[in-house]
Amino acid sequence: MRTRDRVLRSLENIYRGAFTAAEDAGDGKVMEQLDLEYQRDQLELEVLLDIRDLLIPEKPDATTSLLEKAQNIRKLTKLR
């Protein structure tokens, strides 16, 4: 399984390449759009990684019921 850092680093590399190309072309509008998209995608990925972490037991031999996993996800997604 990919680590959190590796996933986020891959996302950054993809956007950095596109951003550099837009910067070289002098396309400020595309650069601005890429910046917004990067922030949105980063946030979405972090939430998904948080959910993944909740579904994987902390200890390899530990068992967590599906109900407990669902409750943990509900806590994570509950608006505060």
Protein backbone atom coordinates (compact mmCIF):
# COMPACT_ATOMS: atom_id res chain seq x y z
CA MET A 1 0.00 0.00 0.00
CA ARG A 2 1.24 3.49 -0.83
CA THR A 3 2.12 5.74 2.06
CA ARG A 4 0.29 9.00 2.64
CA ASP A 5 3.43 10.97 1.77
CA ARG A 6 3.96 9.07 -1.47
CA VAL A 7 0.38 9.65 -2.62
CA LEU A 8 0.49 13.37 -1.85
CA ARG A 9 3.95 13.70 -3.41
CA SER A 10 2.67 12.07 -6.62
CA LEU A 11 -0.23 14.52 -6.75
CA GLU A 12 2.15 17.43 -6.26
CA ASN A 13 4.47 16.18 -9.02
CA ILE A 14 1.60 15.96 -11.50
CA TYR A 15 0.40 19.46 -10.77
CA ARG A 16 3.91 20.92 -10.60
CA GLY A 17 4.60 19.68 -14.14
CA ALA A 18 1.39 21.17 -15.49
CA PHE A 19 1.93 24.40 -13.55
CA THR A 20 5.47 24.78 -14.91
CA ALA A 21 4.22 24.25 -18.46
CA ALA A 22 1.54 26.91 -17.97
CA GLU A 23 4.09 29.24 -16.39
CA ASP A 24 6.47 28.79 -19.31
CA ALA A 25 3.59 29.58 -21.69
CA GLY A 26 2.77 32.68 -19.64
CA ASP A 27 -0.79 31.50 -19.08
CA GLY A 28 -1.75 33.02 -15.73
CA LYS A 29 -5.37 31.89 -15.97
CA VAL A 30 -4.36 28.24 -16.32
CA MET A 31 -1.86 28.63 -13.47
CA GLU A 32 -4.60 29.99 -11.22
CA GLN A 33 -6.98 27.18 -12.19
CA LEU A 34 -4.30 24.54 -11.58
CA ASP A 35 -3.59 26.01 -8.15
CA LEU A 36 -7.27 25.79 -7.17
CA GLU A 37 -7.59 22.27 -8.57
CA TYR A 38 -4.48 21.15 -6.72
CA GLN A 39 -5.81 22.42 -3.40
CA ARG A 40 -9.17 20.73 -4.00
CA ASP A 41 -7.61 17.43 -5.02
CA GLN A 42 -5.19 17.50 -2.10
CA LEU A 43 -8.05 17.98 0.35
CA GLU A 44 -10.08 15.17 -1.23
CA LEU A 45 -7.08 12.83 -1.15
CA GLU A 46 -6.39 13.61 2.50
CA VAL A 47 -9.98 12.77 3.42
CA LEU A 48 -9.80 9.51 1.48
CA LEU A 49 -6.50 8.65 3.15
CA ASP A 50 -8.06 9.38 6.55
CA ILE A 51 -10.90 6.99 5.71
CA ARG A 52 -8.40 4.38 4.56
CA ASP A 53 -6.53 4.74 7.86
CA LEU A 54 -9.78 4.23 9.78
CA LEU A 55 -10.53 1.02 7.88
CA ILE A 56 -7.12 -0.53 8.51
CA PRO A 57 -6.61 -1.86 12.02
CA GLU A 58 -3.82 -0.19 13.99
CA LYS A 59 -2.40 -3.56 14.99
CA PRO A 60 -2.11 -6.28 12.34
CA ASP A 61 -3.72 -8.90 14.59
CA ALA A 62 -6.49 -6.60 15.87
CA THR A 63 -10.00 -7.06 14.61
CA THR A 64 -12.45 -4.25 14.25
CA SER A 65 -16.05 -4.88 13.39
CA LEU A 66 -17.61 -3.31 10.34
CA LEU A 67 -19.93 -1.41 12.65
CA GLU A 68 -16.97 0.14 14.50
CA LYS A 69 -15.36 1.07 11.20
CA ALA A 70 -18.59 2.67 9.98
CA GLN A 71 -18.91 4.62 13.23
CA ASN A 72 -15.35 5.89 12.90
CA ILE A 73 -16.04 7.06 9.35
CA ARG A 74 -19.25 8.74 10.51
CA LYS A 75 -17.30 10.59 13.21
CA LEU A 76 -14.74 11.72 10.64
CA THR A 77 -17.34 12.99 8.17
CA LYS A 78 -19.75 14.51 10.68
CA LEU A 79 -19.96 18.26 10.26
CA ARG A 80 -18.86 20.15 13.33
